[in-house]
């Protein structure tokens, strides 16, 4: 039962994920790794048998070393993109993500000891929403600047542009 909610589907991948919105002193906590040129939300895949709420509490603990409580669900994102990790490189991924605002303790001092699925070391980075950092999901930059209490649904579809970028990246790796 402890399998990630990530399944092969028609030559692509269906992925069900959770992400944390951790804001402290006007800054947002994001994750990066040495392989990627972008940052992404603290979080990861839901495991079969878990609820999204159970998964985000587990993922935040795994990636920050701190067990946090959920404040509320903020966003649901359907996202089409092409994978860039070694295990999914160039494959179309349809990902459904649930993003939760977390209750951040006043003494929050995160420590990252996590790795990507291909054992690349991850790191945590605090950013301000006006930074030029490339982050995913991209809508964080606009939506977190003016938060409200409703749950918003986003559809992101990067199949065309991402395919061109992925193929260019792949060709560059071959040269």
C-alpha atoms as a PDB file:
ATOM      1  CA  UNK A   1       0.000   0.000   0.000  1.00  0.00           C
ATOM      2  CA  UNK A   2       2.887   2.445   0.358  1.00  0.00           C
ATOM      3  CA  UNK A   3       3.216   3.151  -3.381  1.00  0.00           C
ATOM      4  CA  UNK A   4       3.379   6.679  -4.787  1.00  0.00           C
ATOM      5  CA  UNK A   5       0.297   7.796  -6.691  1.00  0.00           C
ATOM      6  CA  UNK A   6       2.218   7.864  -9.937  1.00  0.00           C
ATOM      7  CA  UNK A   7       1.118   5.481 -12.673  1.00  0.00           C
ATOM      8  CA  UNK A   8       1.946   4.858 -16.296  1.00  0.00           C
ATOM      9  CA  UNK A   9      -0.877   5.842 -18.605  1.00  0.00           C
ATOM     10  CA  UNK A  10      -0.907   5.722 -22.420  1.00  0.00           C
ATOM     11  CA  UNK A  11       2.866   6.218 -22.681  1.00  0.00           C
ATOM     12  CA  UNK A  12       2.771   9.083 -20.188  1.00  0.00           C
ATOM     13  CA  UNK A  13       2.442   9.412 -16.440  1.00  0.00           C
ATOM     14  CA  UNK A  14      -0.442  10.318 -14.143  1.00  0.00           C
ATOM     15  CA  UNK A  15       0.912  11.891 -10.967  1.00  0.00           C
ATOM     16  CA  UNK A  16      -1.028  12.985  -7.872  1.00  0.00           C
ATOM     17  CA  UNK A  17       0.920  15.421  -5.717  1.00  0.00           C
ATOM     18  CA  UNK A  18       0.668  17.736  -2.721  1.00  0.00           C
ATOM     19  CA  UNK A  19       2.489  21.010  -2.148  1.00  0.00           C
ATOM     20  CA  UNK A  20       2.963  23.222   0.890  1.00  0.00           C
ATOM     21  CA  UNK A  21       2.628  26.972   1.023  1.00  0.00           C
ATOM     22  CA  UNK A  22       4.999  27.959   3.820  1.00  0.00           C
ATOM     23  CA  UNK A  23       5.222  31.726   4.298  1.00  0.00           C
ATOM     24  CA  UNK A  24       7.207  33.401   7.080  1.00  0.00           C
ATOM     25  CA  UNK A  25       8.207  37.055   7.407  1.00  0.00           C
ATOM     26  CA  UNK A  26       6.877  37.751   3.905  1.00  0.00           C
ATOM     27  CA  UNK A  27       9.006  35.039   2.286  1.00  0.00           C
ATOM     28  CA  UNK A  28       7.966  31.764   0.657  1.00  0.00           C
ATOM     29  CA  UNK A  29       9.889  28.538   1.265  1.00  0.00           C
ATOM     30  CA  UNK A  30      10.706  26.630  -1.928  1.00  0.00           C
ATOM     31  CA  UNK A  31      12.851  23.615  -2.818  1.00  0.00           C
ATOM     32  CA  UNK A  32      15.561  23.251  -5.426  1.00  0.00           C
ATOM     33  CA  UNK A  33      18.183  20.719  -6.455  1.00  0.00           C
ATOM     34  CA  UNK A  34      21.476  20.725  -8.336  1.00  0.00           C
ATOM     35  CA  UNK A  35      19.930  19.208 -11.470  1.00  0.00           C
ATOM     36  CA  UNK A  36      17.187  21.817 -11.997  1.00  0.00           C
ATOM     37  CA  UNK A  37      17.289  25.505 -12.878  1.00  0.00           C
ATOM     38  CA  UNK A  38      14.009  26.186 -11.062  1.00  0.00           C
ATOM     39  CA  UNK A  39      12.453  25.957  -7.603  1.00  0.00           C
ATOM     40  CA  UNK A  40       9.349  23.985  -6.657  1.00  0.00           C
ATOM     41  CA  UNK A  41       7.014  23.754  -3.699  1.00  0.00           C
ATOM     42  CA  UNK A  42       7.812  21.712  -0.627  1.00  0.00           C
ATOM     43  CA  UNK A  43       5.817  18.512  -1.136  1.00  0.00           C
ATOM     44  CA  UNK A  44       5.654  15.363  -3.181  1.00  0.00           C
ATOM     45  CA  UNK A  45       3.515  12.481  -4.290  1.00  0.00           C
ATOM     46  CA  UNK A  46       0.580  11.160  -2.355  1.00  0.00           C
ATOM     47  CA  UNK A  47       1.030   7.513  -1.409  1.00  0.00           C
ATOM     48  CA  UNK A  48      -1.782   5.054  -2.116  1.00  0.00           C
ATOM     49  CA  UNK A  49      -3.968   4.872   1.000  1.00  0.00           C
ATOM     50  CA  UNK A  50      -3.104   8.412   2.151  1.00  0.00           C
ATOM     51  CA  UNK A  51      -5.335  11.446   1.997  1.00  0.00           C
ATOM     52  CA  UNK A  52      -3.891  14.649   0.535  1.00  0.00           C
ATOM     53  CA  UNK A  53      -3.850  16.119   4.058  1.00  0.00           C
ATOM     54  CA  UNK A  54      -1.884  13.169   5.461  1.00  0.00           C
ATOM     55  CA  UNK A  55       0.532  13.368   2.542  1.00  0.00           C
ATOM     56  CA  UNK A  56       1.331  17.070   2.968  1.00  0.00           C
ATOM     57  CA  UNK A  57       2.027  16.679   6.679  1.00  0.00           C
ATOM     58  CA  UNK A  58       4.378  13.758   5.903  1.00  0.00           C
ATOM     59  CA  UNK A  59       6.093  15.558   3.013  1.00  0.00           C
ATOM     60  CA  UNK A  60       6.662  18.765   5.004  1.00  0.00           C
ATOM     61  CA  UNK A  61       8.203  16.715   7.819  1.00  0.00           C
ATOM     62  CA  UNK A  62      10.427  14.803   5.359  1.00  0.00           C
ATOM     63  CA  UNK A  63      11.635  17.957   3.582  1.00  0.00           C
ATOM     64  CA  UNK A  64      11.936  20.420   6.492  1.00  0.00           C
ATOM     65  CA  UNK A  65      12.316  18.249   9.580  1.00  0.00           C
ATOM     66  CA  UNK A  66       9.284  19.977  11.157  1.00  0.00           C
ATOM     67  CA  UNK A  67       5.819  18.535  11.671  1.00  0.00           C
ATOM     68  CA  UNK A  68       3.352  21.265  10.741  1.00  0.00           C
ATOM     69  CA  UNK A  69      -0.404  21.618  10.822  1.00  0.00           C
ATOM     70  CA  UNK A  70      -2.540  22.520   7.836  1.00  0.00           C
ATOM     71  CA  UNK A  71      -4.223  25.896   7.798  1.00  0.00           C
ATOM     72  CA  UNK A  72      -6.344  25.254   4.686  1.00  0.00           C
ATOM     73  CA  UNK A  73      -6.429  24.098   1.074  1.00  0.00           C
ATOM     74  CA  UNK A  74      -5.524  26.963  -1.248  1.00  0.00           C
ATOM     75  CA  UNK A  75      -5.224  25.641  -4.786  1.00  0.00           C
ATOM     76  CA  UNK A  76      -5.863  22.646  -6.998  1.00  0.00           C
ATOM     77  CA  UNK A  77      -3.708  22.550 -10.125  1.00  0.00           C
ATOM     78  CA  UNK A  78      -4.049  20.320 -13.171  1.00  0.00           C
ATOM     79  CA  UNK A  79      -0.771  20.455 -15.039  1.00  0.00           C
ATOM     80  CA  UNK A  80       0.450  18.949 -18.309  1.00  0.00           C
ATOM     81  CA  UNK A  81       4.206  19.033 -18.836  1.00  0.00           C
ATOM     82  CA  UNK A  82       7.097  16.933 -20.109  1.00  0.00           C
ATOM     83  CA  UNK A  83       9.326  15.340 -17.501  1.00  0.00           C
ATOM     84  CA  UNK A  84      12.917  16.436 -16.938  1.00  0.00           C
ATOM     85  CA  UNK A  85      14.040  13.841 -14.364  1.00  0.00           C
ATOM     86  CA  UNK A  86      16.028  10.820 -15.571  1.00  0.00           C
ATOM     87  CA  UNK A  87      13.113   8.452 -14.810  1.00  0.00           C
ATOM     88  CA  UNK A  88      10.567  10.459 -16.803  1.00  0.00           C
ATOM     89  CA  UNK A  89      12.641  12.513 -19.232  1.00  0.00           C
ATOM     90  CA  UNK A  90      10.565  13.569 -22.226  1.00  0.00           C
ATOM     91  CA  UNK A  91       7.421  11.736 -21.070  1.00  0.00           C
ATOM     92  CA  UNK A  92       4.148  13.615 -20.921  1.00  0.00           C
ATOM     93  CA  UNK A  93       2.970  13.995 -17.341  1.00  0.00           C
ATOM     94  CA  UNK A  94      -0.527  14.874 -16.219  1.00  0.00           C
ATOM     95  CA  UNK A  95      -0.237  15.983 -12.620  1.00  0.00           C
ATOM     96  CA  UNK A  96      -2.995  16.878 -10.191  1.00  0.00           C
ATOM     97  CA  UNK A  97      -1.684  18.880  -7.237  1.00  0.00           C
ATOM     98  CA  UNK A  98      -3.293  20.029  -4.013  1.00  0.00           C
ATOM     99  CA  UNK A  99      -1.556  23.045  -2.438  1.00  0.00           C
ATOM    100  CA  UNK A 100      -2.083  23.654   1.275  1.00  0.00           C
ATOM    101  CA  UNK A 101      -1.342  26.742   3.340  1.00  0.00           C
ATOM    102  CA  UNK A 102       0.542  25.546   6.406  1.00  0.00           C
ATOM    103  CA  UNK A 103       0.517  26.926   9.964  1.00  0.00           C
ATOM    104  CA  UNK A 104       4.096  28.051  10.397  1.00  0.00           C
ATOM    105  CA  UNK A 105       5.411  27.896  13.984  1.00  0.00           C
ATOM    106  CA  UNK A 106       7.141  31.056  15.222  1.00  0.00           C
ATOM    107  CA  UNK A 107      10.337  29.075  15.888  1.00  0.00           C
ATOM    108  CA  UNK A 108      10.284  27.377  12.460  1.00  0.00           C
ATOM    109  CA  UNK A 109      13.833  26.483  11.500  1.00  0.00           C
ATOM    110  CA  UNK A 110      13.759  24.049   8.576  1.00  0.00           C
ATOM    111  CA  UNK A 111      16.515  21.574   7.775  1.00  0.00           C
ATOM    112  CA  UNK A 112      16.506  19.789   4.447  1.00  0.00           C
ATOM    113  CA  UNK A 113      17.828  16.240   4.295  1.00  0.00           C
ATOM    114  CA  UNK A 114      15.766  15.130   1.300  1.00  0.00           C
ATOM    115  CA  UNK A 115      16.703  13.836  -2.141  1.00  0.00           C
ATOM    116  CA  UNK A 116      14.912  13.626  -5.476  1.00  0.00           C
ATOM    117  CA  UNK A 117      13.848  10.247  -6.861  1.00  0.00           C
ATOM    118  CA  UNK A 118      17.214  10.021  -8.677  1.00  0.00           C
ATOM    119  CA  UNK A 119      19.143  10.756  -5.443  1.00  0.00           C
ATOM    120  CA  UNK A 120      19.962  14.381  -6.237  1.00  0.00           C
ATOM    121  CA  UNK A 121      20.316  16.378  -2.995  1.00  0.00           C
ATOM    122  CA  UNK A 122      17.578  18.956  -2.456  1.00  0.00           C
ATOM    123  CA  UNK A 123      17.933  22.317  -0.696  1.00  0.00           C
ATOM    124  CA  UNK A 124      15.474  24.847   0.762  1.00  0.00           C
ATOM    125  CA  UNK A 125      15.393  28.483  -0.289  1.00  0.00           C
ATOM    126  CA  UNK A 126      13.361  31.418   1.014  1.00  0.00           C
ATOM    127  CA  UNK A 127      12.228  33.751  -1.774  1.00  0.00           C
ATOM    128  CA  UNK A 128      10.194  36.906  -2.053  1.00  0.00           C
ATOM    129  CA  UNK A 129       7.428  36.819  -4.633  1.00  0.00           C
ATOM    130  CA  UNK A 130       9.019  39.666  -6.584  1.00  0.00           C
ATOM    131  CA  UNK A 131      12.258  37.719  -7.126  1.00  0.00           C
ATOM    132  CA  UNK A 132      13.254  36.735 -10.654  1.00  0.00           C
ATOM    133  CA  UNK A 133      13.557  33.094  -9.599  1.00  0.00           C
ATOM    134  CA  UNK A 134      11.885  30.567 -11.886  1.00  0.00           C
ATOM    135  CA  UNK A 135       9.357  28.757  -9.676  1.00  0.00           C
ATOM    136  CA  UNK A 136       6.687  26.128 -10.117  1.00  0.00           C
ATOM    137  CA  UNK A 137       3.823  26.503  -9.888  1.00  0.00           C
ATOM    138  CA  UNK A 138       4.190  29.833 -11.671  1.00  0.00           C
ATOM    139  CA  UNK A 139       0.840  31.106 -10.384  1.00  0.00           C
ATOM    140  CA  UNK A 140       2.312  31.366  -6.866  1.00  0.00           C
ATOM    141  CA  UNK A 141       3.931  34.696  -7.849  1.00  0.00           C
ATOM    142  CA  UNK A 142       0.607  36.377  -8.542  1.00  0.00           C
ATOM    143  CA  UNK A 143      -1.807  34.443  -6.348  1.00  0.00           C
ATOM    144  CA  UNK A 144       0.206  34.487  -3.121  1.00  0.00           C
ATOM    145  CA  UNK A 145       0.699  38.233  -3.455  1.00  0.00           C
ATOM    146  CA  UNK A 146      -3.066  38.675  -2.984  1.00  0.00           C
ATOM    147  CA  UNK A 147      -4.304  35.639  -1.057  1.00  0.00           C
ATOM    148  CA  UNK A 148      -7.982  35.059  -0.335  1.00  0.00           C
ATOM    149  CA  UNK A 149      -9.914  32.346   1.473  1.00  0.00           C
ATOM    150  CA  UNK A 150     -11.389  30.597  -1.567  1.00  0.00           C
ATOM    151  CA  UNK A 151      -9.888  27.475  -3.105  1.00  0.00           C
ATOM    152  CA  UNK A 152      -8.769  28.245  -6.648  1.00  0.00           C
ATOM    153  CA  UNK A 153      -8.447  25.768  -9.502  1.00  0.00           C
ATOM    154  CA  UNK A 154      -5.732  26.260 -12.119  1.00  0.00           C
ATOM    155  CA  UNK A 155      -5.017  24.431 -15.346  1.00  0.00           C
ATOM    156  CA  UNK A 156      -1.444  24.686 -16.623  1.00  0.00           C
ATOM    157  CA  UNK A 157      -0.643  23.276 -20.034  1.00  0.00           C
ATOM    158  CA  UNK A 158       2.991  23.453 -21.043  1.00  0.00           C
ATOM    159  CA  UNK A 159       2.940  20.644 -23.590  1.00  0.00           C
ATOM    160  CA  UNK A 160       3.985  22.642 -26.671  1.00  0.00           C
ATOM    161  CA  UNK A 161       6.648  24.966 -25.258  1.00  0.00           C
ATOM    162  CA  UNK A 162       7.938  22.389 -22.784  1.00  0.00           C
ATOM    163  CA  UNK A 163       8.235  19.767 -25.530  1.00  0.00           C
ATOM    164  CA  UNK A 164      10.407  22.084 -27.590  1.00  0.00           C
ATOM    165  CA  UNK A 165      12.544  22.925 -24.530  1.00  0.00           C
ATOM    166  CA  UNK A 166      12.849  19.267 -23.511  1.00  0.00           C
ATOM    167  CA  UNK A 167      13.884  18.169 -26.990  1.00  0.00           C
ATOM    168  CA  UNK A 168      16.437  21.008 -27.216  1.00  0.00           C
ATOM    169  CA  UNK A 169      17.782  20.017 -23.807  1.00  0.00           C
ATOM    170  CA  UNK A 170      17.965  16.370 -24.880  1.00  0.00           C
ATOM    171  CA  UNK A 171      19.818  17.273 -28.096  1.00  0.00           C
ATOM    172  CA  UNK A 172      22.260  19.387 -26.079  1.00  0.00           C
ATOM    173  CA  UNK A 173      22.953  16.423 -23.775  1.00  0.00           C
ATOM    174  CA  UNK A 174      23.827  14.278 -26.789  1.00  0.00           C
ATOM    175  CA  UNK A 175      26.380  16.801 -28.093  1.00  0.00           C
END
